[in-house]
């Protein structure tokens, strides 16, 4: 479970919590609600690089492709059908 600290504690003890965040991401709360996540630059770069990862059809096994072809969206997903506009 991710650790968390209040924004007041983060402000008062930034050195300590920044060292903690080097080991694992740390959630900072504000008025009891998750507000920010502090993490190492290396972890941020690792996550950031994944959002640009593109997979080609050849990256999937035959079993993967068969599973994808046989999959169906749950009925609850129908409410999202109108979200895309086609020009």
C-alpha atoms as a PDB file:
ATOM      1  CA  UNK A   1       0.000   0.000   0.000  1.00  0.00           C
ATOM      2  CA  UNK A   2       1.429   3.402  -0.929  1.00  0.00           C
ATOM      3  CA  UNK A   3       2.438   5.567   1.964  1.00  0.00           C
ATOM      4  CA  UNK A   4       0.914   8.991   2.396  1.00  0.00           C
ATOM      5  CA  UNK A   5       1.568  12.169   4.331  1.00  0.00           C
ATOM      6  CA  UNK A   6      -0.431  15.338   4.819  1.00  0.00           C
ATOM      7  CA  UNK A   7       0.528  18.470   2.922  1.00  0.00           C
ATOM      8  CA  UNK A   8       1.407  20.106   6.258  1.00  0.00           C
ATOM      9  CA  UNK A   9       3.819  17.277   7.117  1.00  0.00           C
ATOM     10  CA  UNK A  10       5.259  17.411   3.584  1.00  0.00           C
ATOM     11  CA  UNK A  11       5.883  21.125   3.957  1.00  0.00           C
ATOM     12  CA  UNK A  12       7.534  20.760   7.359  1.00  0.00           C
ATOM     13  CA  UNK A  13       9.597  17.653   6.570  1.00  0.00           C
ATOM     14  CA  UNK A  14      10.346  17.888   2.873  1.00  0.00           C
ATOM     15  CA  UNK A  15      13.869  16.480   3.200  1.00  0.00           C
ATOM     16  CA  UNK A  16      12.674  13.348   4.986  1.00  0.00           C
ATOM     17  CA  UNK A  17       9.698  12.699   2.722  1.00  0.00           C
ATOM     18  CA  UNK A  18      11.725  13.329  -0.440  1.00  0.00           C
ATOM     19  CA  UNK A  19      14.178  10.625   0.703  1.00  0.00           C
ATOM     20  CA  UNK A  20      11.195   8.306   1.316  1.00  0.00           C
ATOM     21  CA  UNK A  21       9.881   9.038  -2.178  1.00  0.00           C
ATOM     22  CA  UNK A  22      13.191   7.925  -3.683  1.00  0.00           C
ATOM     23  CA  UNK A  23      12.378   4.397  -2.487  1.00  0.00           C
ATOM     24  CA  UNK A  24       8.657   4.370  -3.350  1.00  0.00           C
ATOM     25  CA  UNK A  25       6.058   6.896  -4.514  1.00  0.00           C
ATOM     26  CA  UNK A  26       4.513   8.901  -1.689  1.00  0.00           C
ATOM     27  CA  UNK A  27       0.992  10.326  -1.775  1.00  0.00           C
ATOM     28  CA  UNK A  28       0.507  13.796  -0.338  1.00  0.00           C
ATOM     29  CA  UNK A  29      -2.966  14.495   1.003  1.00  0.00           C
ATOM     30  CA  UNK A  30      -4.727  17.829   1.406  1.00  0.00           C
ATOM     31  CA  UNK A  31      -7.685  17.995   3.779  1.00  0.00           C
ATOM     32  CA  UNK A  32      -7.752  14.194   3.843  1.00  0.00           C
ATOM     33  CA  UNK A  33      -7.921  13.742   0.061  1.00  0.00           C
ATOM     34  CA  UNK A  34      -5.137  12.471  -2.207  1.00  0.00           C
ATOM     35  CA  UNK A  35      -3.662  15.515  -3.892  1.00  0.00           C
ATOM     36  CA  UNK A  36      -0.163  14.820  -5.242  1.00  0.00           C
ATOM     37  CA  UNK A  37       2.291  11.973  -5.683  1.00  0.00           C
ATOM     38  CA  UNK A  38       5.986  12.483  -5.036  1.00  0.00           C
ATOM     39  CA  UNK A  39       8.299   9.989  -6.724  1.00  0.00           C
ATOM     40  CA  UNK A  40      11.873   9.651  -7.892  1.00  0.00           C
ATOM     41  CA  UNK A  41      12.823  11.124 -11.248  1.00  0.00           C
ATOM     42  CA  UNK A  42      13.831   7.639 -12.416  1.00  0.00           C
ATOM     43  CA  UNK A  43      10.382   6.234 -11.616  1.00  0.00           C
ATOM     44  CA  UNK A  44       8.708   9.191 -13.332  1.00  0.00           C
ATOM     45  CA  UNK A  45      10.804   8.664 -16.472  1.00  0.00           C
ATOM     46  CA  UNK A  46      10.042   4.922 -16.435  1.00  0.00           C
ATOM     47  CA  UNK A  47       6.298   5.610 -16.270  1.00  0.00           C
ATOM     48  CA  UNK A  48       6.509   8.427 -18.816  1.00  0.00           C
ATOM     49  CA  UNK A  49       8.321   6.225 -21.325  1.00  0.00           C
ATOM     50  CA  UNK A  50       5.517   3.655 -21.133  1.00  0.00           C
ATOM     51  CA  UNK A  51       2.860   6.100 -22.303  1.00  0.00           C
ATOM     52  CA  UNK A  52       4.652   6.335 -25.642  1.00  0.00           C
ATOM     53  CA  UNK A  53       5.125   2.593 -26.094  1.00  0.00           C
ATOM     54  CA  UNK A  54       3.548   1.302 -29.287  1.00  0.00           C
ATOM     55  CA  UNK A  55       2.970  -2.387 -29.866  1.00  0.00           C
ATOM     56  CA  UNK A  56       2.738  -3.900 -33.322  1.00  0.00           C
ATOM     57  CA  UNK A  57       0.665  -6.939 -34.196  1.00  0.00           C
ATOM     58  CA  UNK A  58       3.855  -8.999 -34.264  1.00  0.00           C
ATOM     59  CA  UNK A  59       4.454  -8.197 -30.587  1.00  0.00           C
ATOM     60  CA  UNK A  60       1.466 -10.385 -29.659  1.00  0.00           C
ATOM     61  CA  UNK A  61       1.388 -14.160 -29.601  1.00  0.00           C
ATOM     62  CA  UNK A  62      -1.255 -16.139 -31.491  1.00  0.00           C
ATOM     63  CA  UNK A  63      -2.878 -16.814 -28.114  1.00  0.00           C
ATOM     64  CA  UNK A  64      -2.967 -13.067 -27.346  1.00  0.00           C
ATOM     65  CA  UNK A  65      -4.524 -12.296 -30.727  1.00  0.00           C
ATOM     66  CA  UNK A  66      -7.144 -15.033 -30.308  1.00  0.00           C
ATOM     67  CA  UNK A  67      -8.030 -13.728 -26.840  1.00  0.00           C
ATOM     68  CA  UNK A  68      -8.404 -10.192 -28.170  1.00  0.00           C
ATOM     69  CA  UNK A  69     -10.501 -11.327 -31.137  1.00  0.00           C
ATOM     70  CA  UNK A  70     -12.804 -13.279 -28.818  1.00  0.00           C
ATOM     71  CA  UNK A  71     -13.235 -10.565 -26.245  1.00  0.00           C
ATOM     72  CA  UNK A  72     -16.384  -8.496 -25.883  1.00  0.00           C
ATOM     73  CA  UNK A  73     -16.969  -5.289 -23.935  1.00  0.00           C
ATOM     74  CA  UNK A  74     -19.286  -5.632 -20.940  1.00  0.00           C
ATOM     75  CA  UNK A  75     -22.835  -4.325 -21.348  1.00  0.00           C
ATOM     76  CA  UNK A  76     -22.026  -1.424 -18.992  1.00  0.00           C
ATOM     77  CA  UNK A  77     -19.575  -0.077 -21.589  1.00  0.00           C
ATOM     78  CA  UNK A  78     -22.433   0.751 -23.987  1.00  0.00           C
ATOM     79  CA  UNK A  79     -22.917   4.068 -22.184  1.00  0.00           C
ATOM     80  CA  UNK A  80     -19.613   5.234 -23.689  1.00  0.00           C
ATOM     81  CA  UNK A  81     -20.630   4.539 -27.294  1.00  0.00           C
ATOM     82  CA  UNK A  82     -21.583   8.188 -27.951  1.00  0.00           C
ATOM     83  CA  UNK A  83     -18.298   9.670 -26.727  1.00  0.00           C
ATOM     84  CA  UNK A  84     -16.491   9.658 -30.058  1.00  0.00           C
ATOM     85  CA  UNK A  85     -17.491  12.061 -32.792  1.00  0.00           C
ATOM     86  CA  UNK A  86     -16.867  11.029 -36.353  1.00  0.00           C
ATOM     87  CA  UNK A  87     -16.131  13.801 -38.832  1.00  0.00           C
END
